[in-house]
Amino acid sequence: MGKKIRNSIEIVVEQFQNLLEKCLQTKDDHERVVLVRRLINLVGVIQFLVSVQKATPHT
């Protein structure tokens, strides 16, 4: 299960980086607010995945 979680973290981090890039490039304030909310949600997902990875015995 550890590898699956690690792969999931990599996917979420990649999505975070893509959204951050879009957020920094957009000139539309409404779009920026939506993107920041999505970034915050992804941080929560990353925190959850890391906590699950720490709780899972390493094999």
Protein backbone atom coordinates (compact mmCIF):
# COMPACT_ATOMS: atom_id res chain seq x y z
CA MET A 1 0.00 0.00 0.00
CA GLY A 2 2.95 2.33 0.58
CA LYS A 3 3.77 2.54 -3.12
CA LYS A 4 0.17 3.38 -4.02
CA ILE A 5 0.13 6.22 -1.51
CA ARG A 6 3.50 7.50 -2.72
CA ASN A 7 2.24 7.47 -6.32
CA SER A 8 -0.92 9.27 -5.21
CA ILE A 9 1.14 11.95 -3.49
CA GLU A 10 3.19 12.45 -6.65
CA ILE A 11 0.03 12.84 -8.73
CA VAL A 12 -1.48 15.35 -6.30
CA VAL A 13 1.76 17.35 -6.10
CA GLU A 14 1.87 17.47 -9.91
CA GLN A 15 -1.71 18.77 -9.97
CA PHE A 16 -0.79 21.33 -7.30
CA GLN A 17 2.13 22.58 -9.36
CA ASN A 18 -0.05 22.87 -12.48
CA LEU A 19 -2.74 24.81 -10.61
CA LEU A 20 -0.16 27.05 -8.97
CA GLU A 21 1.29 27.90 -12.37
CA LYS A 22 -2.19 28.73 -13.71
CA CYS A 23 -2.93 30.80 -10.62
CA LEU A 24 0.25 32.84 -11.01
CA GLN A 25 -0.41 33.43 -14.70
CA THR A 26 -4.09 34.39 -14.63
CA LYS A 27 -5.16 38.00 -14.65
CA ASP A 28 -8.78 37.15 -13.78
CA ASP A 29 -9.43 37.73 -10.06
CA HIS A 30 -12.40 35.34 -9.92
CA GLU A 31 -10.41 32.55 -11.54
CA ARG A 32 -7.54 33.21 -9.12
CA VAL A 33 -9.89 32.84 -6.13
CA VAL A 34 -11.20 29.53 -7.48
CA LEU A 35 -7.67 28.28 -8.13
CA VAL A 36 -6.48 29.28 -4.65
CA ARG A 37 -9.39 27.35 -3.11
CA ARG A 38 -8.46 24.32 -5.19
CA LEU A 39 -4.82 24.68 -4.12
CA ILE A 40 -5.87 24.77 -0.47
CA ASN A 41 -7.95 21.62 -0.99
CA LEU A 42 -4.97 19.87 -2.59
CA VAL A 43 -2.79 20.79 0.41
CA GLY A 44 -5.35 19.02 2.58
CA VAL A 45 -5.23 15.97 0.33
CA ILE A 46 -1.43 15.92 0.48
CA GLN A 47 -1.50 16.19 4.28
CA PHE A 48 -3.96 13.31 4.48
CA LEU A 49 -1.92 11.09 2.16
CA VAL A 50 1.27 11.81 4.09
CA SER A 51 -0.43 10.99 7.40
CA VAL A 52 -1.77 7.72 5.97
CA GLN A 53 1.68 6.88 4.64
CA LYS A 54 3.24 7.48 8.08
CA ALA A 55 0.59 5.30 9.76
CA THR A 56 1.07 2.46 7.28
CA PRO A 57 3.83 -0.03 8.15
CA HIS A 58 6.60 0.07 5.57
CA THR A 59 7.15 -3.19 3.73
